[in-house]
Amino acid sequence: MKRIFSYVLLIAAVVLAVSTARPYWDRYWIGKELEVAAVYGTKHSIQDTRGFLIGRMKQSGYDFRPEDFEIEKDDKNRVTITLSYRDSVRVFGRNLKNLSFTVRKTVSEVKNVV
């Protein structure tokens, strides 16, 4: 009986650890998607970049609206994309903690070297 309790406790600890890490893992991959879109944006318009970004996000399984993204481009083709969103840590269907994230990526245009 003691061994079964230990296994149940171990499984609960693993589920808690994975559930706690998931929002931060998602934030990392969302940042990577924003970075790819910012690189695309150095050569394209803001509207094209927004469309590209929404397509990438849907393909990756994230559900964001186009107006959730703030995209800025200056005269030197430096692109900054900002996304603020909310997520939560959920374990066994219970909400343990609400989290607010702001992901910002800035990319400068790189000249082609050929």
Protein backbone atom coordinates (compact mmCIF):
# COMPACT_ATOMS: atom_id res chain seq x y z
CA MET A 1 0.00 0.00 0.00
CA LYS A 2 2.85 2.36 0.77
CA ARG A 3 4.36 1.69 -2.65
CA ILE A 4 1.07 2.53 -4.44
CA PHE A 5 0.82 5.82 -2.54
CA SER A 6 4.42 6.63 -3.56
CA TYR A 7 3.61 5.99 -7.22
CA VAL A 8 0.47 8.13 -7.07
CA LEU A 9 2.46 10.92 -5.42
CA LEU A 10 5.19 10.63 -8.05
CA ILE A 11 2.68 10.78 -10.90
CA ALA A 12 0.97 13.82 -9.34
CA ALA A 13 4.36 15.56 -9.00
CA VAL A 14 5.21 14.89 -12.65
CA VAL A 15 1.80 16.16 -13.82
CA LEU A 16 2.23 19.29 -11.69
CA ALA A 17 5.73 19.92 -13.07
CA VAL A 18 4.62 19.50 -16.69
CA SER A 19 1.54 21.68 -16.17
CA THR A 20 3.65 24.40 -14.58
CA ALA A 21 6.26 24.35 -17.35
CA ARG A 22 3.77 24.36 -20.27
CA PRO A 23 2.95 28.12 -20.31
CA TYR A 24 6.64 29.01 -20.25
CA TRP A 25 7.40 26.44 -22.95
CA ASP A 26 4.62 27.97 -25.09
CA ARG A 27 6.00 31.47 -24.46
CA TYR A 28 9.40 30.33 -25.77
CA TRP A 29 7.94 28.89 -28.99
CA ILE A 30 5.65 31.87 -29.51
CA GLY A 31 8.77 34.06 -29.26
CA LYS A 32 10.44 31.95 -31.94
CA GLU A 33 7.41 32.39 -34.23
CA LEU A 34 7.48 36.16 -33.64
CA GLU A 35 11.18 36.21 -34.49
CA VAL A 36 10.59 34.36 -37.78
CA ALA A 37 7.80 36.78 -38.67
CA ALA A 38 9.99 39.78 -37.76
CA VAL A 39 12.70 38.53 -40.12
CA TYR A 40 10.03 38.16 -42.82
CA GLY A 41 8.85 41.67 -42.01
CA THR A 42 12.21 43.25 -42.77
CA LYS A 43 11.58 42.57 -46.47
CA HIS A 44 7.77 42.91 -46.56
CA SER A 45 5.03 45.34 -45.52
CA ILE A 46 3.36 45.34 -42.11
CA GLN A 47 0.13 43.94 -43.58
CA ASP A 48 2.00 41.09 -45.30
CA THR A 49 3.91 40.41 -42.08
CA ARG A 50 0.68 40.28 -40.06
CA GLY A 51 -0.83 37.79 -42.51
CA PHE A 52 2.32 35.68 -42.48
CA LEU A 53 2.38 35.73 -38.67
CA ILE A 54 -1.28 34.75 -38.30
CA GLY A 55 -0.72 31.86 -40.73
CA ARG A 56 2.31 30.65 -38.77
CA MET A 57 0.44 30.88 -35.48
CA LYS A 58 -2.55 28.92 -36.78
CA GLN A 59 -0.22 26.32 -38.27
CA SER A 60 1.48 25.96 -34.87
CA GLY A 61 -1.86 25.62 -33.09
CA TYR A 62 -2.01 29.01 -31.35
CA ASP A 63 -5.29 30.91 -31.46
CA PHE A 64 -4.52 34.63 -31.65
CA ARG A 65 -6.39 37.35 -33.53
CA PRO A 66 -4.61 39.72 -35.93
CA GLU A 67 -5.27 42.67 -33.60
CA ASP A 68 -3.44 40.89 -30.75
CA PHE A 69 -0.11 41.67 -32.43
CA GLU A 70 1.55 45.07 -32.44
CA ILE A 71 3.92 45.32 -35.39
CA GLU A 72 6.21 48.31 -35.87
CA LYS A 73 8.66 48.95 -38.68
CA ASP A 74 11.02 51.91 -38.87
CA ASP A 75 12.76 53.52 -41.83
CA LYS A 76 15.82 51.29 -41.37
CA ASN A 77 13.65 48.15 -41.76
CA ARG A 78 13.93 47.25 -38.09
CA VAL A 79 10.81 45.28 -37.17
CA THR A 80 9.42 44.91 -33.65
CA ILE A 81 6.54 42.54 -32.94
CA THR A 82 4.86 42.56 -29.54
CA LEU A 83 2.25 40.15 -28.22
CA SER A 84 0.60 40.35 -24.81
CA TYR A 85 -1.56 37.44 -23.75
CA ARG A 86 -2.85 35.55 -20.73
CA ASP A 87 -2.32 31.91 -19.88
CA SER A 88 -2.81 29.77 -16.82
CA VAL A 89 -1.40 26.79 -14.98
CA ARG A 90 -4.08 24.11 -14.90
CA VAL A 91 -3.83 20.76 -13.16
CA PHE A 92 -6.58 18.15 -13.34
CA GLY A 93 -8.98 20.78 -14.67
CA ARG A 94 -8.36 23.23 -11.84
CA ASN A 95 -6.88 26.65 -12.44
CA LEU A 96 -3.92 27.11 -10.08
CA LYS A 97 -2.48 30.40 -11.34
CA ASN A 98 -3.23 33.00 -14.01
CA LEU A 99 -0.23 34.35 -15.88
CA SER A 100 0.27 37.41 -18.09
CA PHE A 101 2.97 37.32 -20.74
CA THR A 102 4.38 39.97 -23.05
CA VAL A 103 6.64 38.66 -25.79
CA ARG A 104 8.61 41.22 -27.83
CA LYS A 105 11.02 40.44 -30.64
CA THR A 106 13.04 43.01 -32.61
CA VAL A 107 14.96 42.15 -35.76
CA SER A 108 17.09 44.40 -37.96
CA GLU A 109 17.41 43.92 -41.68
CA VAL A 110 20.46 41.96 -42.71
CA LYS A 111 22.01 42.65 -46.08
CA ASN A 112 22.34 39.68 -48.41
CA VAL A 113 25.92 38.51 -48.69
CA VAL A 114 26.55 36.73 -51.96
